[in-house]
Amino acid sequence: MKKGYIALTCSIAFEVFGTTMLKLSDGFSNVLPSIAFIIGMGTAFYSLSICLRTIPLSLAYAIWSGVGTALTAVIGVLLWDDPFNLITLSGFALIIGGVALLNASNKSVETAPSS
């Protein structure tokens, strides 16, 4: 299971990297960021497929998309001055809370006795 979470973490990092490169590619008009986007997303999906060997799809995808979205939004705020206000903060809290609830519900299913 630990190996699955390592692969999921790598997948999230490469997805955030790829999305950042997509912004820098300026509509695929800059070659190096465009190539980096392809490499980042390819590696992200490969790593995601590896993590699915040990982590349930619903949990892995929820964590991947939620954490990836939140980190990408933070990068947008920090690097490109995307708007940040109470609504943005609330959105981050909801994403993180949702991922935490999904993770907790998965752990309760793992520890429940089977009938």
PDB file of N, CA and C in Angstrom:
ATOM      1  N   MET A   1       0.826  -1.194   0.000  1.00  0.00           N
ATOM      2  CA  MET A   1       0.000   0.000   0.000  1.00  0.00           C
ATOM      3  C   MET A   1       0.870   1.257   0.000  1.00  0.00           C
ATOM      4  N   LYS A   2       1.989   1.222   0.749  1.00  0.00           N
ATOM      5  CA  LYS A   2       2.880   2.377   0.826  1.00  0.00           C
ATOM      6  C   LYS A   2       3.413   2.746  -0.561  1.00  0.00           C
ATOM      7  N   LYS A   3       3.758   1.732  -1.355  1.00  0.00           N
ATOM      8  CA  LYS A   3       4.261   1.974  -2.706  1.00  0.00           C
ATOM      9  C   LYS A   3       3.201   2.681  -3.562  1.00  0.00           C
ATOM     10  N   GLY A   4       1.937   2.329  -3.334  1.00  0.00           N
ATOM     11  CA  GLY A   4       0.842   2.966  -4.065  1.00  0.00           C
ATOM     12  C   GLY A   4       0.745   4.446  -3.754  1.00  0.00           C
ATOM     13  N   TYR A   5       0.917   4.803  -2.489  1.00  0.00           N
ATOM     14  CA  TYR A   5       0.839   6.216  -2.111  1.00  0.00           C
ATOM     15  C   TYR A   5       2.061   6.998  -2.600  1.00  0.00           C
ATOM     16  N   ILE A   6       3.197   6.341  -2.690  1.00  0.00           N
ATOM     17  CA  ILE A   6       4.383   7.000  -3.271  1.00  0.00           C
ATOM     18  C   ILE A   6       4.116   7.292  -4.751  1.00  0.00           C
ATOM     19  N   ALA A   7       3.567   6.317  -5.462  1.00  0.00           N
ATOM     20  CA  ALA A   7       3.240   6.519  -6.882  1.00  0.00           C
ATOM     21  C   ALA A   7       2.177   7.599  -7.042  1.00  0.00           C
ATOM     22  N   LEU A   8       1.197   7.640  -6.127  1.00  0.00           N
ATOM     23  CA  LEU A   8       0.155   8.668  -6.189  1.00  0.00           C
ATOM     24  C   LEU A   8       0.751  10.057  -5.959  1.00  0.00           C
ATOM     25  N   THR A   9       1.671  10.174  -5.019  1.00  0.00           N
ATOM     26  CA  THR A   9       2.337  11.452  -4.762  1.00  0.00           C
ATOM     27  C   THR A   9       3.125  11.911  -5.989  1.00  0.00           C
ATOM     28  N   CYS A  10       3.834  10.977  -6.611  1.00  0.00           N
ATOM     29  CA  CYS A  10       4.572  11.307  -7.843  1.00  0.00           C
ATOM     30  C   CYS A  10       3.602  11.747  -8.934  1.00  0.00           C
ATOM     31  N   SER A  11       2.484  11.052  -9.039  1.00  0.00           N
ATOM     32  CA  SER A  11       1.488  11.391 -10.048  1.00  0.00           C
ATOM     33  C   SER A  11       0.959  12.808  -9.850  1.00  0.00           C
ATOM     34  N   ILE A  12       0.674  13.155  -8.617  1.00  0.00           N
ATOM     35  CA  ILE A  12       0.181  14.504  -8.313  1.00  0.00           C
ATOM     36  C   ILE A  12       1.245  15.547  -8.662  1.00  0.00           C
ATOM     37  N   ALA A  13       2.483  15.286  -8.268  1.00  0.00           N
ATOM     38  CA  ALA A  13       3.566  16.247  -8.544  1.00  0.00           C
ATOM     39  C   ALA A  13       3.742  16.455 -10.047  1.00  0.00           C
ATOM     40  N   PHE A  14       3.725  15.375 -10.819  1.00  0.00           N
ATOM     41  CA  PHE A  14       3.901  15.511 -12.262  1.00  0.00           C
ATOM     42  C   PHE A  14       2.685  16.149 -12.926  1.00  0.00           C
ATOM     43  N   GLU A  15       1.495  15.918 -12.382  1.00  0.00           N
ATOM     44  CA  GLU A  15       0.300  16.560 -12.937  1.00  0.00           C
ATOM     45  C   GLU A  15       0.353  18.064 -12.703  1.00  0.00           C
ATOM     46  N   VAL A  16       0.760  18.473 -11.514  1.00  0.00           N
ATOM     47  CA  VAL A  16       0.883  19.903 -11.214  1.00  0.00           C
ATOM     48  C   VAL A  16       1.985  20.524 -12.075  1.00  0.00           C
ATOM     49  N   PHE A  17       3.106  19.815 -12.212  1.00  0.00           N
ATOM     50  CA  PHE A  17       4.183  20.278 -13.087  1.00  0.00           C
ATOM     51  C   PHE A  17       3.678  20.439 -14.520  1.00  0.00           C
ATOM     52  N   GLY A  18       2.979  19.418 -15.021  1.00  0.00           N
ATOM     53  CA  GLY A  18       2.471  19.463 -16.393  1.00  0.00           C
ATOM     54  C   GLY A  18       1.493  20.605 -16.606  1.00  0.00           C
ATOM     55  N   THR A  19       0.611  20.810 -15.650  1.00  0.00           N
ATOM     56  CA  THR A  19      -0.361  21.897 -15.773  1.00  0.00           C
ATOM     57  C   THR A  19       0.340  23.253 -15.743  1.00  0.00           C
ATOM     58  N   THR A  20       1.357  23.385 -14.929  1.00  0.00           N
ATOM     59  CA  THR A  20       2.129  24.631 -14.887  1.00  0.00           C
ATOM     60  C   THR A  20       2.830  24.861 -16.228  1.00  0.00           C
ATOM     61  N   MET A  21       3.366  23.800 -16.801  1.00  0.00           N
ATOM     62  CA  MET A  21       4.013  23.918 -18.112  1.00  0.00           C
ATOM     63  C   MET A  21       2.994  24.263 -19.204  1.00  0.00           C
ATOM     64  N   LEU A  22       1.764  23.789 -19.050  1.00  0.00           N
ATOM     65  CA  LEU A  22       0.710  24.135 -20.006  1.00  0.00           C
ATOM     66  C   LEU A  22       0.483  25.642 -20.013  1.00  0.00           C
ATOM     67  N   LYS A  23       0.475  26.244 -18.840  1.00  0.00           N
ATOM     68  CA  LYS A  23       0.332  27.700 -18.749  1.00  0.00           C
ATOM     69  C   LYS A  23       1.519  28.397 -19.426  1.00  0.00           C
ATOM     70  N   LEU A  24       2.725  27.884 -19.157  1.00  0.00           N
ATOM     71  CA  LEU A  24       3.925  28.498 -19.743  1.00  0.00           C
ATOM     72  C   LEU A  24       4.050  28.262 -21.242  1.00  0.00           C
ATOM     73  N   SER A  25       3.357  27.230 -21.757  1.00  0.00           N
ATOM     74  CA  SER A  25       3.464  26.923 -23.189  1.00  0.00           C
ATOM     75  C   SER A  25       2.780  27.973 -24.054  1.00  0.00           C
ATOM     76  N   ASP A  26       1.929  28.797 -23.444  1.00  0.00           N
ATOM     77  CA  ASP A  26       1.230  29.869 -24.156  1.00  0.00           C
ATOM     78  C   ASP A  26       0.499  29.317 -25.381  1.00  0.00           C
ATOM     79  N   GLY A  27      -0.398  28.361 -25.106  1.00  0.00           N
ATOM     80  CA  GLY A  27      -1.174  27.766 -26.202  1.00  0.00           C
ATOM     81  C   GLY A  27      -0.331  26.884 -27.110  1.00  0.00           C
ATOM     82  N   PHE A  28       0.671  26.236 -26.562  1.00  0.00           N
ATOM     83  CA  PHE A  28       1.617  25.378 -27.282  1.00  0.00           C
ATOM     84  C   PHE A  28       2.470  26.143 -28.295  1.00  0.00           C
ATOM     85  N   SER A  29       2.637  27.443 -28.076  1.00  0.00           N
ATOM     86  CA  SER A  29       3.489  28.226 -28.969  1.00  0.00           C
ATOM     87  C   SER A  29       4.950  28.257 -28.501  1.00  0.00           C
ATOM     88  N   ASN A  30       5.202  27.902 -27.241  1.00  0.00           N
ATOM     89  CA  ASN A  30       6.565  27.783 -26.722  1.00  0.00           C
ATOM     90  C   ASN A  30       6.913  26.293 -26.663  1.00  0.00           C
ATOM     91  N   VAL A  31       7.957  25.910 -27.390  1.00  0.00           N
ATOM     92  CA  VAL A  31       8.253  24.493 -27.582  1.00  0.00           C
ATOM     93  C   VAL A  31       8.666  23.779 -26.298  1.00  0.00           C
ATOM     94  N   LEU A  32       9.624  24.323 -25.555  1.00  0.00           N
ATOM     95  CA  LEU A  32      10.122  23.609 -24.376  1.00  0.00           C
ATOM     96  C   LEU A  32       9.045  23.370 -23.315  1.00  0.00           C
ATOM     97  N   PRO A  33       8.247  24.385 -22.942  1.00  0.00           N
ATOM     98  CA  PRO A  33       7.170  24.099 -21.998  1.00  0.00           C
ATOM     99  C   PRO A  33       6.133  23.117 -22.572  1.00  0.00           C
ATOM    100  N   SER A  34       5.929  23.136 -23.871  1.00  0.00           N
ATOM    101  CA  SER A  34       4.987  22.198 -24.494  1.00  0.00           C
ATOM    102  C   SER A  34       5.488  20.761 -24.364  1.00  0.00           C
ATOM    103  N   ILE A  35       6.773  20.565 -24.589  1.00  0.00           N
ATOM    104  CA  ILE A  35       7.369  19.234 -24.437  1.00  0.00           C
ATOM    105  C   ILE A  35       7.331  18.812 -22.968  1.00  0.00           C
ATOM    106  N   ALA A  36       7.633  19.753 -22.070  1.00  0.00           N
ATOM    107  CA  ALA A  36       7.598  19.461 -20.638  1.00  0.00           C
ATOM    108  C   ALA A  36       6.183  19.095 -20.197  1.00  0.00           C
ATOM    109  N   PHE A  37       5.166  19.737 -20.779  1.00  0.00           N
ATOM    110  CA  PHE A  37       3.774  19.396 -20.479  1.00  0.00           C
ATOM    111  C   PHE A  37       3.482  17.941 -20.848  1.00  0.00           C
ATOM    112  N   ILE A  38       3.882  17.539 -22.030  1.00  0.00           N
ATOM    113  CA  ILE A  38       3.633  16.171 -22.495  1.00  0.00           C
ATOM    114  C   ILE A  38       4.337  15.161 -21.585  1.00  0.00           C
ATOM    115  N   ILE A  39       5.572  15.449 -21.251  1.00  0.00           N
ATOM    116  CA  ILE A  39       6.331  14.552 -20.357  1.00  0.00           C
ATOM    117  C   ILE A  39       5.688  14.510 -18.966  1.00  0.00           C
ATOM    118  N   GLY A  40       5.329  15.667 -18.444  1.00  0.00           N
ATOM    119  CA  GLY A  40       4.715  15.733 -17.121  1.00  0.00           C
ATOM    120  C   GLY A  40       3.402  14.972 -17.052  1.00  0.00           C
ATOM    121  N   MET A  41       2.533  15.186 -18.016  1.00  0.00           N
ATOM    122  CA  MET A  41       1.235  14.509 -17.998  1.00  0.00           C
ATOM    123  C   MET A  41       1.376  13.013 -18.282  1.00  0.00           C
ATOM    124  N   GLY A  42       2.272  12.666 -19.179  1.00  0.00           N
ATOM    125  CA  GLY A  42       2.495  11.241 -19.447  1.00  0.00           C
ATOM    126  C   GLY A  42       2.987  10.523 -18.205  1.00  0.00           C
ATOM    127  N   THR A  43       3.924  11.140 -17.509  1.00  0.00           N
ATOM    128  CA  THR A  43       4.457  10.552 -16.285  1.00  0.00           C
ATOM    129  C   THR A  43       3.389  10.526 -15.184  1.00  0.00           C
ATOM    130  N   ALA A  44       2.567  11.562 -15.129  1.00  0.00           N
ATOM    131  CA  ALA A  44       1.490  11.612 -14.132  1.00  0.00           C
ATOM    132  C   ALA A  44       0.516  10.450 -14.333  1.00  0.00           C
ATOM    133  N   PHE A  45       0.099  10.218 -15.564  1.00  0.00           N
ATOM    134  CA  PHE A  45      -0.860   9.135 -15.817  1.00  0.00           C
ATOM    135  C   PHE A  45      -0.219   7.764 -15.638  1.00  0.00           C
ATOM    136  N   TYR A  46       1.041   7.643 -15.980  1.00  0.00           N
ATOM    137  CA  TYR A  46       1.736   6.371 -15.737  1.00  0.00           C
ATOM    138  C   TYR A  46       1.803   6.094 -14.237  1.00  0.00           C
ATOM    139  N   SER A  47       2.199   7.101 -13.461  1.00  0.00           N
ATOM    140  CA  SER A  47       2.293   6.937 -12.009  1.00  0.00           C
ATOM    141  C   SER A  47       0.920   6.653 -11.400  1.00  0.00           C
ATOM    142  N   LEU A  48      -0.111   7.302 -11.926  1.00  0.00           N
ATOM    143  CA  LEU A  48      -1.472   7.045 -11.446  1.00  0.00           C
ATOM    144  C   LEU A  48      -1.858   5.591 -11.711  1.00  0.00           C
ATOM    145  N   SER A  49      -1.496   5.081 -12.870  1.00  0.00           N
ATOM    146  CA  SER A  49      -1.827   3.691 -13.180  1.00  0.00           C
ATOM    147  C   SER A  49      -1.095   2.726 -12.250  1.00  0.00           C
ATOM    148  N   ILE A  50       0.115   3.069 -11.848  1.00  0.00           N
ATOM    149  CA  ILE A  50       0.878   2.233 -10.911  1.00  0.00           C
ATOM    150  C   ILE A  50       0.205   2.233  -9.538  1.00  0.00           C
ATOM    151  N   CYS A  51      -0.242   3.388  -9.097  1.00  0.00           N
ATOM    152  CA  CYS A  51      -0.853   3.456  -7.765  1.00  0.00           C
ATOM    153  C   CYS A  51      -2.169   2.690  -7.728  1.00  0.00           C
ATOM    154  N   LEU A  52      -2.832   2.556  -8.864  1.00  0.00           N
ATOM    155  CA  LEU A  52      -4.118   1.850  -8.886  1.00  0.00           C
ATOM    156  C   LEU A  52      -3.971   0.348  -8.665  1.00  0.00           C
ATOM    157  N   ARG A  53      -2.746  -0.147  -8.643  1.00  0.00           N
ATOM    158  CA  ARG A  53      -2.531  -1.560  -8.313  1.00  0.00           C
ATOM    159  C   ARG A  53      -2.879  -1.847  -6.862  1.00  0.00           C
ATOM    160  N   THR A  54      -2.725  -0.840  -5.989  1.00  0.00           N
ATOM    161  CA  THR A  54      -2.938  -1.071  -4.562  1.00  0.00           C
ATOM    162  C   THR A  54      -3.956  -0.131  -3.916  1.00  0.00           C
ATOM    163  N   ILE A  55      -4.309   0.958  -4.581  1.00  0.00           N
ATOM    164  CA  ILE A  55      -5.249   1.924  -4.019  1.00  0.00           C
ATOM    165  C   ILE A  55      -6.533   1.871  -4.851  1.00  0.00           C
ATOM    166  N   PRO A  56      -7.702   1.830  -4.213  1.00  0.00           N
ATOM    167  CA  PRO A  56      -8.956   1.809  -4.971  1.00  0.00           C
ATOM    168  C   PRO A  56      -9.097   3.032  -5.883  1.00  0.00           C
ATOM    169  N   LEU A  57      -9.688   2.828  -7.053  1.00  0.00           N
ATOM    170  CA  LEU A  57      -9.832   3.894  -8.039  1.00  0.00           C
ATOM    171  C   LEU A  57     -10.520   5.122  -7.470  1.00  0.00           C
ATOM    172  N   SER A  58     -11.625   4.930  -6.753  1.00  0.00           N
ATOM    173  CA  SER A  58     -12.376   6.084  -6.243  1.00  0.00           C
ATOM    174  C   SER A  58     -11.524   6.933  -5.303  1.00  0.00           C
ATOM    175  N   LEU A  59     -10.779   6.298  -4.445  1.00  0.00           N
ATOM    176  CA  LEU A  59      -9.924   7.030  -3.510  1.00  0.00           C
ATOM    177  C   LEU A  59      -8.747   7.679  -4.233  1.00  0.00           C
ATOM    178  N   ALA A  60      -8.060   6.924  -5.071  1.00  0.00           N
ATOM    179  CA  ALA A  60      -6.886   7.455  -5.776  1.00  0.00           C
ATOM    180  C   ALA A  60      -7.261   8.646  -6.654  1.00  0.00           C
ATOM    181  N   TYR A  61      -8.355   8.521  -7.403  1.00  0.00           N
ATOM    182  CA  TYR A  61      -8.729   9.613  -8.299  1.00  0.00           C
ATOM    183  C   TYR A  61      -9.181  10.839  -7.518  1.00  0.00           C
ATOM    184  N   ALA A  62      -9.892  10.622  -6.415  1.00  0.00           N
ATOM    185  CA  ALA A  62     -10.325  11.758  -5.599  1.00  0.00           C
ATOM    186  C   ALA A  62      -9.124  12.503  -5.030  1.00  0.00           C
ATOM    187  N   ILE A  63      -8.163  11.769  -4.512  1.00  0.00           N
ATOM    188  CA  ILE A  63      -6.959  12.406  -3.968  1.00  0.00           C
ATOM    189  C   ILE A  63      -6.184  13.093  -5.086  1.00  0.00           C
ATOM    190  N   TRP A  64      -5.984  12.396  -6.197  1.00  0.00           N
ATOM    191  CA  TRP A  64      -5.214  12.932  -7.323  1.00  0.00           C
ATOM    192  C   TRP A  64      -5.824  14.229  -7.849  1.00  0.00           C
ATOM    193  N   SER A  65      -7.117  14.191  -8.111  1.00  0.00           N
ATOM    194  CA  SER A  65      -7.743  15.383  -8.686  1.00  0.00           C
ATOM    195  C   SER A  65      -7.888  16.502  -7.662  1.00  0.00           C
ATOM    196  N   GLY A  66      -8.243  16.153  -6.426  1.00  0.00           N
ATOM    197  CA  GLY A  66      -8.431  17.181  -5.406  1.00  0.00           C
ATOM    198  C   GLY A  66      -7.147  17.875  -5.017  1.00  0.00           C
ATOM    199  N   VAL A  67      -6.135  17.094  -4.687  1.00  0.00           N
ATOM    200  CA  VAL A  67      -4.852  17.689  -4.276  1.00  0.00           C
ATOM    201  C   VAL A  67      -4.202  18.404  -5.466  1.00  0.00           C
ATOM    202  N   GLY A  68      -4.282  17.790  -6.638  1.00  0.00           N
ATOM    203  CA  GLY A  68      -3.722  18.423  -7.836  1.00  0.00           C
ATOM    204  C   GLY A  68      -4.387  19.761  -8.138  1.00  0.00           C
ATOM    205  N   THR A  69      -5.711  19.805  -8.008  1.00  0.00           N
ATOM    206  CA  THR A  69      -6.444  21.052  -8.238  1.00  0.00           C
ATOM    207  C   THR A  69      -6.044  22.116  -7.216  1.00  0.00           C
ATOM    208  N   ALA A  70      -5.981  21.726  -5.949  1.00  0.00           N
ATOM    209  CA  ALA A  70      -5.625  22.699  -4.905  1.00  0.00           C
ATOM    210  C   ALA A  70      -4.207  23.225  -5.098  1.00  0.00           C
ATOM    211  N   LEU A  71      -3.253  22.326  -5.369  1.00  0.00           N
ATOM    212  CA  LEU A  71      -1.868  22.769  -5.568  1.00  0.00           C
ATOM    213  C   LEU A  71      -1.730  23.652  -6.805  1.00  0.00           C
ATOM    214  N   THR A  72      -2.439  23.300  -7.871  1.00  0.00           N
ATOM    215  CA  THR A  72      -2.397  24.113  -9.082  1.00  0.00           C
ATOM    216  C   THR A  72      -2.981  25.494  -8.813  1.00  0.00           C
ATOM    217  N   ALA A  73      -4.043  25.558  -8.043  1.00  0.00           N
ATOM    218  CA  ALA A  73      -4.635  26.853  -7.700  1.00  0.00           C
ATOM    219  C   ALA A  73      -3.676  27.689  -6.855  1.00  0.00           C
ATOM    220  N   VAL A  74      -2.991  27.055  -5.912  1.00  0.00           N
ATOM    221  CA  VAL A  74      -2.011  27.769  -5.088  1.00  0.00           C
ATOM    222  C   VAL A  74      -0.884  28.316  -5.971  1.00  0.00           C
ATOM    223  N   ILE A  75      -0.420  27.518  -6.906  1.00  0.00           N
ATOM    224  CA  ILE A  75       0.627  27.985  -7.824  1.00  0.00           C
ATOM    225  C   ILE A  75       0.125  29.165  -8.645  1.00  0.00           C
ATOM    226  N   GLY A  76      -1.126  29.088  -9.083  1.00  0.00           N
ATOM    227  CA  GLY A  76      -1.708  30.214  -9.832  1.00  0.00           C
ATOM    228  C   GLY A  76      -1.732  31.486  -9.010  1.00  0.00           C
ATOM    229  N   VAL A  77      -2.081  31.363  -7.752  1.00  0.00           N
ATOM    230  CA  VAL A  77      -2.122  32.530  -6.865  1.00  0.00           C
ATOM    231  C   VAL A  77      -0.716  33.079  -6.646  1.00  0.00           C
ATOM    232  N   LEU A  78       0.241  32.186  -6.403  1.00  0.00           N
ATOM    233  CA  LEU A  78       1.601  32.625  -6.079  1.00  0.00           C
ATOM    234  C   LEU A  78       2.382  33.131  -7.290  1.00  0.00           C
ATOM    235  N   LEU A  79       2.250  32.454  -8.426  1.00  0.00           N
ATOM    236  CA  LEU A  79       3.074  32.812  -9.587  1.00  0.00           C
ATOM    237  C   LEU A  79       2.410  33.782 -10.560  1.00  0.00           C
ATOM    238  N   TRP A  80       1.090  33.672 -10.720  1.00  0.00           N
ATOM    239  CA  TRP A  80       0.426  34.480 -11.742  1.00  0.00           C
ATOM    240  C   TRP A  80      -0.628  35.411 -11.171  1.00  0.00           C
ATOM    241  N   ASP A  81      -0.561  35.639  -9.880  1.00  0.00           N
ATOM    242  CA  ASP A  81      -1.478  36.576  -9.227  1.00  0.00           C
ATOM    243  C   ASP A  81      -2.947  36.280  -9.511  1.00  0.00           C
ATOM    244  N   ASP A  82      -3.300  35.000  -9.574  1.00  0.00           N
ATOM    245  CA  ASP A  82      -4.707  34.636  -9.693  1.00  0.00           C
ATOM    246  C   ASP A  82      -5.428  35.165  -8.454  1.00  0.00           C
ATOM    247  N   PRO A  83      -6.717  35.470  -8.579  1.00  0.00           N
ATOM    248  CA  PRO A  83      -7.431  36.031  -7.431  1.00  0.00           C
ATOM    249  C   PRO A  83      -7.477  35.065  -6.247  1.00  0.00           C
ATOM    250  N   PHE A  84      -7.325  35.619  -5.069  1.00  0.00           N
ATOM    251  CA  PHE A  84      -7.429  34.838  -3.832  1.00  0.00           C
ATOM    252  C   PHE A  84      -8.288  35.626  -2.860  1.00  0.00           C
ATOM    253  N   ASN A  85      -9.369  35.014  -2.423  1.00  0.00           N
ATOM    254  CA  ASN A  85     -10.273  35.660  -1.485  1.00  0.00           C
ATOM    255  C   ASN A  85     -10.923  34.602  -0.597  1.00  0.00           C
ATOM    256  N   LEU A  86     -11.931  34.983   0.142  1.00  0.00           N
ATOM    257  CA  LEU A  86     -12.586  34.062   1.063  1.00  0.00           C
ATOM    258  C   LEU A  86     -13.229  32.887   0.322  1.00  0.00           C
ATOM    259  N   ILE A  87     -13.762  33.135  -0.837  1.00  0.00           N
ATOM    260  CA  ILE A  87     -14.374  32.054  -1.620  1.00  0.00           C
ATOM    261  C   ILE A  87     -13.302  31.062  -2.077  1.00  0.00           C
ATOM    262  N   THR A  88     -12.159  31.556  -2.523  1.00  0.00           N
ATOM    263  CA  THR A  88     -11.052  30.680  -2.915  1.00  0.00           C
ATOM    264  C   THR A  88     -10.584  29.848  -1.731  1.00  0.00           C
ATOM    265  N   LEU A  89     -10.408  30.484  -0.593  1.00  0.00           N
ATOM    266  CA  LEU A  89      -9.994  29.773   0.619  1.00  0.00           C
ATOM    267  C   LEU A  89     -11.019  28.711   1.007  1.00  0.00           C
ATOM    268  N   SER A  90     -12.282  29.039   0.903  1.00  0.00           N
ATOM    269  CA  SER A  90     -13.340  28.072   1.206  1.00  0.00           C
ATOM    270  C   SER A  90     -13.281  26.886   0.249  1.00  0.00           C
ATOM    271  N   GLY A  91     -13.005  27.149  -1.001  1.00  0.00           N
ATOM    272  CA  GLY A  91     -12.863  26.078  -1.975  1.00  0.00           C
ATOM    273  C   GLY A  91     -11.718  25.148  -1.641  1.00  0.00           C
ATOM    274  N   PHE A  92     -10.587  25.717  -1.254  1.00  0.00           N
ATOM    275  CA  PHE A  92      -9.442  24.893  -0.830  1.00  0.00           C
ATOM    276  C   PHE A  92      -9.828  24.020   0.360  1.00  0.00           C
ATOM    277  N   ALA A  93     -10.514  24.623   1.333  1.00  0.00           N
ATOM    278  CA  ALA A  93     -10.914  23.873   2.527  1.00  0.00           C
ATOM    279  C   ALA A  93     -11.866  22.742   2.168  1.00  0.00           C
ATOM    280  N   LEU A  94     -12.790  22.986   1.260  1.00  0.00           N
ATOM    281  CA  LEU A  94     -13.731  21.936   0.847  1.00  0.00           C
ATOM    282  C   LEU A  94     -13.015  20.800   0.116  1.00  0.00           C
ATOM    283  N   ILE A  95     -12.059  21.143  -0.736  1.00  0.00           N
ATOM    284  CA  ILE A  95     -11.303  20.110  -1.453  1.00  0.00           C
ATOM    285  C   ILE A  95     -10.527  19.248  -0.462  1.00  0.00           C
ATOM    286  N   ILE A  96      -9.795  19.891   0.427  1.00  0.00           N
ATOM    287  CA  ILE A  96      -8.989  19.154   1.393  1.00  0.00           C
ATOM    288  C   ILE A  96      -9.885  18.333   2.329  1.00  0.00           C
ATOM    289  N   GLY A  97     -10.986  18.930   2.767  1.00  0.00           N
ATOM    290  CA  GLY A  97     -11.925  18.202   3.620  1.00  0.00           C
ATOM    291  C   GLY A  97     -12.539  17.005   2.921  1.00  0.00           C
ATOM    292  N   GLY A  98     -12.882  17.167   1.656  1.00  0.00           N
ATOM    293  CA  GLY A  98     -13.442  16.054   0.891  1.00  0.00           C
ATOM    294  C   GLY A  98     -12.461  14.912   0.731  1.00  0.00           C
ATOM    295  N   VAL A  99     -11.229  15.243   0.435  1.00  0.00           N
ATOM    296  CA  VAL A  99     -10.195  14.209   0.304  1.00  0.00           C
ATOM    297  C   VAL A  99      -9.986  13.503   1.634  1.00  0.00           C
ATOM    298  N   ALA A 100      -9.964  14.263   2.726  1.00  0.00           N
ATOM    299  CA  ALA A 100      -9.796  13.656   4.054  1.00  0.00           C
ATOM    300  C   ALA A 100     -10.957  12.724   4.383  1.00  0.00           C
ATOM    301  N   LEU A 101     -12.184  13.130   4.067  1.00  0.00           N
ATOM    302  CA  LEU A 101     -13.343  12.274   4.323  1.00  0.00           C
ATOM    303  C   LEU A 101     -13.294  10.993   3.495  1.00  0.00           C
ATOM    304  N   LEU A 102     -12.917  11.111   2.234  1.00  0.00           N
ATOM    305  CA  LEU A 102     -12.810   9.910   1.394  1.00  0.00           C
ATOM    306  C   LEU A 102     -11.751   8.965   1.937  1.00  0.00           C
ATOM    307  N   ASN A 103     -10.636   9.519   2.362  1.00  0.00           N
ATOM    308  CA  ASN A 103      -9.567   8.698   2.918  1.00  0.00           C
ATOM    309  C   ASN A 103     -10.035   8.020   4.208  1.00  0.00           C
ATOM    310  N   ALA A 104     -10.736   8.750   5.054  1.00  0.00           N
ATOM    311  CA  ALA A 104     -11.242   8.181   6.311  1.00  0.00           C
ATOM    312  C   ALA A 104     -12.281   7.101   6.040  1.00  0.00           C
ATOM    313  N   SER A 105     -13.149   7.326   5.063  1.00  0.00           N
ATOM    314  CA  SER A 105     -14.182   6.329   4.776  1.00  0.00           C
ATOM    315  C   SER A 105     -13.556   5.066   4.200  1.00  0.00           C
ATOM    316  N   ASN A 106     -12.487   5.201   3.440  1.00  0.00           N
ATOM    317  CA  ASN A 106     -11.797   4.037   2.905  1.00  0.00           C
ATOM    318  C   ASN A 106     -11.148   3.230   4.024  1.00  0.00           C
ATOM    319  N   LYS A 107     -10.575   3.902   5.014  1.00  0.00           N
ATOM    320  CA  LYS A 107      -9.941   3.202   6.129  1.00  0.00           C
ATOM    321  C   LYS A 107     -10.980   2.467   6.979  1.00  0.00           C
ATOM    322  N   SER A 108     -12.179   3.050   7.126  1.00  0.00           N
ATOM    323  CA  SER A 108     -13.205   2.368   7.910  1.00  0.00           C
ATOM    324  C   SER A 108     -13.702   1.120   7.188  1.00  0.00           C
ATOM    325  N   VAL A 109     -13.722   1.127   5.867  1.00  0.00           N
ATOM    326  CA  VAL A 109     -14.109  -0.048   5.089  1.00  0.00           C
ATOM    327  C   VAL A 109     -13.048  -1.137   5.228  1.00  0.00           C
ATOM    328  N   GLU A 110     -11.762  -0.738   5.241  1.00  0.00           N
ATOM    329  CA  GLU A 110     -10.663  -1.715   5.363  1.00  0.00           C
ATOM    330  C   GLU A 110     -10.673  -2.418   6.714  1.00  0.00           C
ATOM    331  N   THR A 111     -11.092  -1.711   7.778  1.00  0.00           N
ATOM    332  CA  THR A 111     -11.054  -2.295   9.109  1.00  0.00           C
ATOM    333  C   THR A 111     -12.366  -2.977   9.494  1.00  0.00           C
ATOM    334  N   ALA A 112     -13.419  -2.771   8.711  1.00  0.00           N
ATOM    335  CA  ALA A 112     -14.709  -3.392   9.022  1.00  0.00           C
ATOM    336  C   ALA A 112     -14.618  -4.907   8.789  1.00  0.00           C
ATOM    337  N   PRO A 113     -15.222  -5.687   9.692  1.00  0.00           N
ATOM    338  CA  PRO A 113     -15.205  -7.141   9.504  1.00  0.00           C
ATOM    339  C   PRO A 113     -16.052  -7.545   8.314  1.00  0.00           C
ATOM    340  N   SER A 114     -15.578  -8.514   7.571  1.00  0.00           N
ATOM    341  CA  SER A 114     -16.352  -8.991   6.422  1.00  0.00           C
ATOM    342  C   SER A 114     -17.307 -10.059   6.880  1.00  0.00           C
ATOM    343  N   SER A 115     -18.475 -10.104   6.212  1.00  0.00           N
ATOM    344  CA  SER A 115     -19.466 -11.093   6.610  1.00  0.00           C
ATOM    345  C   SER A 115     -19.588 -12.231   5.637  1.00  0.00           C
TER     346      SER A 115
END
